[in-house]
Amino acid sequence: MMRSRLSRRDRRALALGGGVVALALLWTYAVAPYLRALDDVRARLEVARGLLERELELAASAPAIAADVQRAAERLRDVAPRLLPGTDEGVADAALADYVRRHAREARVHLASVAPAGAESGEAERSIGAGIRLEETTLLVTGEGDLEGLLTLLARLEAGGKLVRVEGLSIDAGQAAPQPGSALPLSFRFTVTGWALPNAGASDPGAEGDA
């Protein structure tokens, strides 16, 4: 009855408004969610395609990776005799300390102490790498001797049968004057780092076949 009171122009405007509202509701509750879901599916599909491509590339390179692993294992076997034994906690430290002391005796250098580098802070420096699990052990070495003896010791440590690295060398000439015919006494300290392969099965920490 109310509709019959409206003019044709008003009825047309009302119909147009209702159509606009219907389209807005359709967009809000039907079209827009569908488009968002479609975009999400497309994005997931692109990610899945990327993962598939990487998996296919990895599968294609598997023989090369296996060959690299084999070569790495062969190199490790080659260098194993130069590694410290690491069958138990502290074994690598003891083997490295013995290695340093033996070369110090041969270089005629007096060692005051050979201890884990972190002993002063209560924490030994040690890191274990992933995969091959090479164990790194570092000792702090202090002592006294003349310059020739110190240089001989350093050369023997790094050129000896074990794979070690000397770092952080500090030398103090002190106040004492050298005796006639003798070399200037020096105090020194440095760190020496060696690597161990746990359960490497080295039979004798001191037997490394030095030249």
Protein backbone atom coordinates (compact mmCIF):
# COMPACT_ATOMS: atom_id res chain seq x y z
CA MET A 1 0.00 0.00 0.00
CA MET A 2 2.91 2.28 0.91
CA ARG A 3 4.57 1.34 -2.37
CA SER A 4 1.52 2.53 -4.28
CA ARG A 5 1.93 5.96 -2.72
CA LEU A 6 5.47 6.30 -4.14
CA SER A 7 6.00 7.89 -7.43
CA ARG A 8 7.59 6.04 -10.29
CA ARG A 9 10.79 8.05 -9.79
CA ASP A 10 10.91 7.17 -6.09
CA ARG A 11 10.33 3.49 -6.82
CA ARG A 12 13.15 3.57 -9.35
CA ALA A 13 15.51 5.23 -6.83
CA LEU A 14 14.50 2.70 -4.17
CA ALA A 15 15.15 -0.20 -6.51
CA LEU A 16 18.52 1.26 -7.48
CA GLY A 17 19.49 1.71 -3.84
CA GLY A 18 18.45 -1.82 -3.02
CA GLY A 19 20.54 -3.08 -5.91
CA VAL A 20 23.58 -1.16 -4.66
CA VAL A 21 23.13 -2.55 -1.15
CA ALA A 22 22.76 -6.07 -2.55
CA LEU A 23 25.93 -5.69 -4.61
CA ALA A 24 27.81 -4.34 -1.59
CA LEU A 25 26.68 -7.29 0.53
CA LEU A 26 27.57 -9.69 -2.25
CA TRP A 27 31.08 -8.19 -2.53
CA THR A 28 31.66 -8.11 1.22
CA TYR A 29 30.43 -11.59 2.08
CA ALA A 30 31.00 -13.55 -1.13
CA VAL A 31 33.31 -12.04 -3.75
CA ALA A 32 35.96 -10.49 -1.48
CA PRO A 33 36.45 -13.64 0.70
CA TYR A 34 36.65 -15.73 -2.48
CA LEU A 35 39.33 -13.45 -3.97
CA ARG A 36 41.32 -13.47 -0.72
CA ALA A 37 41.15 -17.25 -0.58
CA LEU A 38 42.19 -17.44 -4.22
CA ASP A 39 45.21 -15.16 -3.59
CA ASP A 40 46.16 -17.29 -0.56
CA VAL A 41 45.95 -20.48 -2.63
CA ARG A 42 48.09 -18.91 -5.36
CA ALA A 43 50.70 -17.79 -2.82
CA ARG A 44 50.83 -21.26 -1.28
CA LEU A 45 51.12 -22.78 -4.72
CA GLU A 46 54.09 -20.54 -5.54
CA VAL A 47 55.79 -21.53 -2.27
CA ALA A 48 55.14 -25.21 -2.98
CA ARG A 49 56.55 -24.83 -6.49
CA GLY A 50 59.66 -23.14 -5.09
CA LEU A 51 60.16 -25.93 -2.57
CA LEU A 52 59.67 -28.53 -5.27
CA GLU A 53 62.26 -26.85 -7.49
CA ARG A 54 64.78 -26.76 -4.64
CA GLU A 55 64.08 -30.40 -3.80
CA LEU A 56 64.58 -31.37 -7.45
CA GLU A 57 67.85 -29.41 -7.56
CA LEU A 58 69.00 -31.08 -4.34
CA ALA A 59 68.07 -34.50 -5.69
CA ALA A 60 69.98 -33.78 -8.89
CA SER A 61 73.06 -32.69 -6.92
CA ALA A 62 72.93 -35.66 -4.51
CA PRO A 63 75.69 -37.61 -6.34
CA ALA A 64 78.00 -34.57 -6.24
CA ILE A 65 77.25 -34.03 -2.54
CA ALA A 66 78.00 -37.68 -1.81
CA ALA A 67 81.30 -37.36 -3.68
CA ASP A 68 82.20 -34.23 -1.68
CA VAL A 69 81.43 -36.03 1.58
CA GLN A 70 83.63 -38.94 0.49
CA ARG A 71 86.50 -36.60 -0.36
CA ALA A 72 86.11 -34.81 2.98
CA ALA A 73 86.22 -38.16 4.80
CA GLU A 74 89.38 -39.13 2.91
CA ARG A 75 91.05 -35.82 3.80
CA LEU A 76 90.06 -36.32 7.42
CA ARG A 77 91.63 -39.79 7.42
CA ASP A 78 94.79 -38.29 5.95
CA VAL A 79 95.06 -35.66 8.68
CA ALA A 80 93.89 -37.91 11.54
CA PRO A 81 97.46 -38.86 12.61
CA ARG A 82 98.14 -35.15 13.22
CA LEU A 83 95.12 -34.76 15.50
CA LEU A 84 95.19 -35.14 19.26
CA PRO A 85 93.49 -38.13 20.88
CA GLY A 86 90.09 -37.28 22.30
CA THR A 87 88.72 -40.51 23.71
CA ASP A 88 87.69 -38.94 27.03
CA GLU A 89 87.28 -35.55 28.70
CA GLY A 90 90.67 -33.96 29.36
CA VAL A 91 92.61 -36.40 27.17
CA ALA A 92 93.14 -33.82 24.42
CA ASP A 93 94.30 -31.23 26.98
CA ALA A 94 96.80 -33.67 28.46
CA ALA A 95 98.10 -34.74 25.05
CA LEU A 96 98.56 -31.13 23.93
CA ALA A 97 100.30 -30.21 27.20
CA ASP A 98 102.65 -33.18 26.80
CA TYR A 99 103.36 -32.11 23.20
CA VAL A 100 104.26 -28.57 24.35
CA ARG A 101 106.42 -29.72 27.28
CA ARG A 102 108.39 -32.18 25.16
CA HIS A 103 109.24 -29.55 22.57
CA ALA A 104 110.11 -27.06 25.32
CA ARG A 105 112.64 -29.54 26.76
CA GLU A 106 114.17 -30.02 23.32
CA ALA A 107 114.31 -26.22 22.79
CA ARG A 108 115.85 -25.77 26.29
CA VAL A 109 113.04 -23.48 27.41
CA HIS A 110 111.67 -23.50 30.95
CA LEU A 111 107.87 -23.64 31.21
CA ALA A 112 106.22 -22.12 34.26
CA SER A 113 102.73 -23.40 33.48
CA VAL A 114 100.70 -25.13 30.78
CA ALA A 115 97.00 -24.96 31.58
CA PRO A 116 93.62 -24.62 29.84
CA ALA A 117 93.31 -21.08 28.48
CA GLY A 118 90.11 -20.47 30.43
CA ALA A 119 91.50 -21.62 33.77
CA GLU A 120 91.77 -18.04 35.06
CA SER A 121 88.08 -17.40 34.41
CA GLY A 122 87.02 -20.89 35.43
CA GLU A 123 85.99 -21.87 31.94
CA ALA A 124 88.11 -23.78 29.42
CA GLU A 125 87.79 -22.69 25.80
CA ARG A 126 86.42 -25.58 23.82
CA SER A 127 84.10 -25.78 20.85
CA ILE A 128 82.71 -28.77 18.99
CA GLY A 129 81.77 -28.36 15.37
CA ALA A 130 78.73 -30.01 13.84
CA GLY A 131 79.01 -33.08 11.68
CA ILE A 132 82.63 -34.24 11.92
CA ARG A 133 82.81 -33.12 15.58
CA LEU A 134 86.41 -31.97 15.69
CA GLU A 135 87.15 -30.85 19.23
CA GLU A 136 89.21 -27.72 19.73
CA THR A 137 91.34 -27.35 22.86
CA THR A 138 93.40 -24.29 23.81
CA LEU A 139 96.13 -24.05 26.45
CA LEU A 140 97.84 -21.01 27.95
CA VAL A 141 101.62 -21.46 28.07
CA THR A 142 103.95 -19.32 30.23
CA GLY A 143 107.67 -19.69 30.77
CA GLU A 144 111.18 -18.28 30.53
CA GLY A 145 114.07 -18.64 28.14
CA ASP A 146 116.27 -16.78 25.69
CA LEU A 147 115.09 -15.54 22.31
CA GLU A 148 116.71 -18.38 20.38
CA GLY A 149 115.07 -21.00 22.59
CA LEU A 150 111.66 -19.34 22.31
CA LEU A 151 111.84 -19.11 18.52
CA THR A 152 112.95 -22.74 18.37
CA LEU A 153 110.01 -23.77 20.54
CA LEU A 154 107.48 -21.89 18.41
CA ALA A 155 108.90 -23.32 15.19
CA ARG A 156 108.88 -26.87 16.53
CA LEU A 157 105.31 -26.57 17.78
CA GLU A 158 103.87 -25.42 14.46
CA ALA A 159 106.10 -27.60 12.26
CA GLY A 160 105.85 -30.72 14.39
CA GLY A 161 103.80 -33.82 13.90
CA LYS A 162 100.63 -32.45 15.51
CA LEU A 163 98.31 -29.89 13.95
CA VAL A 164 98.50 -26.89 16.32
CA ARG A 165 98.27 -23.10 16.11
CA VAL A 166 100.21 -20.63 18.28
CA GLU A 167 98.64 -17.22 18.96
CA GLY A 168 98.82 -14.24 21.30
CA LEU A 169 102.58 -14.28 21.91
CA SER A 170 103.65 -11.81 24.61
CA ILE A 171 107.31 -11.27 25.58
CA ASP A 172 108.70 -9.42 28.60
CA ALA A 173 112.45 -8.76 28.84
CA GLY A 174 112.17 -7.92 32.54
CA GLN A 175 114.68 -5.90 34.53
CA ALA A 176 117.49 -8.41 34.95
CA ALA A 177 120.62 -7.77 32.89
CA PRO A 178 122.12 -10.73 31.06
CA GLN A 179 125.20 -12.38 32.50
CA PRO A 180 128.41 -12.00 30.50
CA GLY A 181 128.40 -14.50 27.66
CA SER A 182 124.73 -15.41 28.15
CA ALA A 183 121.58 -14.36 26.30
CA LEU A 184 118.99 -11.93 27.62
CA PRO A 185 116.42 -13.85 29.71
CA LEU A 186 112.82 -13.43 28.51
CA SER A 187 109.46 -14.17 30.07
CA PHE A 188 106.77 -15.18 27.59
CA ARG A 189 103.21 -16.32 27.32
CA PHE A 190 101.12 -17.55 24.40
CA THR A 191 98.18 -19.79 23.63
CA VAL A 192 98.45 -23.00 21.68
CA THR A 193 95.41 -24.61 20.06
CA GLY A 194 95.11 -28.20 18.89
CA TRP A 195 92.32 -30.28 17.42
CA ALA A 196 91.15 -33.71 18.45
CA LEU A 197 88.92 -36.25 16.79
CA PRO A 198 87.02 -38.02 19.62
CA ASN A 199 87.67 -41.74 19.66
CA ALA A 200 90.47 -41.21 17.14
CA GLY A 201 92.36 -43.97 18.93
CA ALA A 202 95.79 -42.39 18.98
CA SER A 203 98.00 -44.79 20.87
CA ASP A 204 100.67 -42.40 22.18
CA PRO A 205 100.11 -38.65 22.72
CA GLY A 206 103.85 -37.97 22.44
CA ALA A 207 104.56 -40.06 19.39
CA GLU A 208 103.93 -37.89 16.39
CA GLY A 209 106.97 -38.61 14.27
CA ASP A 210 108.66 -35.21 14.39
CA ALA A 211 111.53 -34.62 12.06
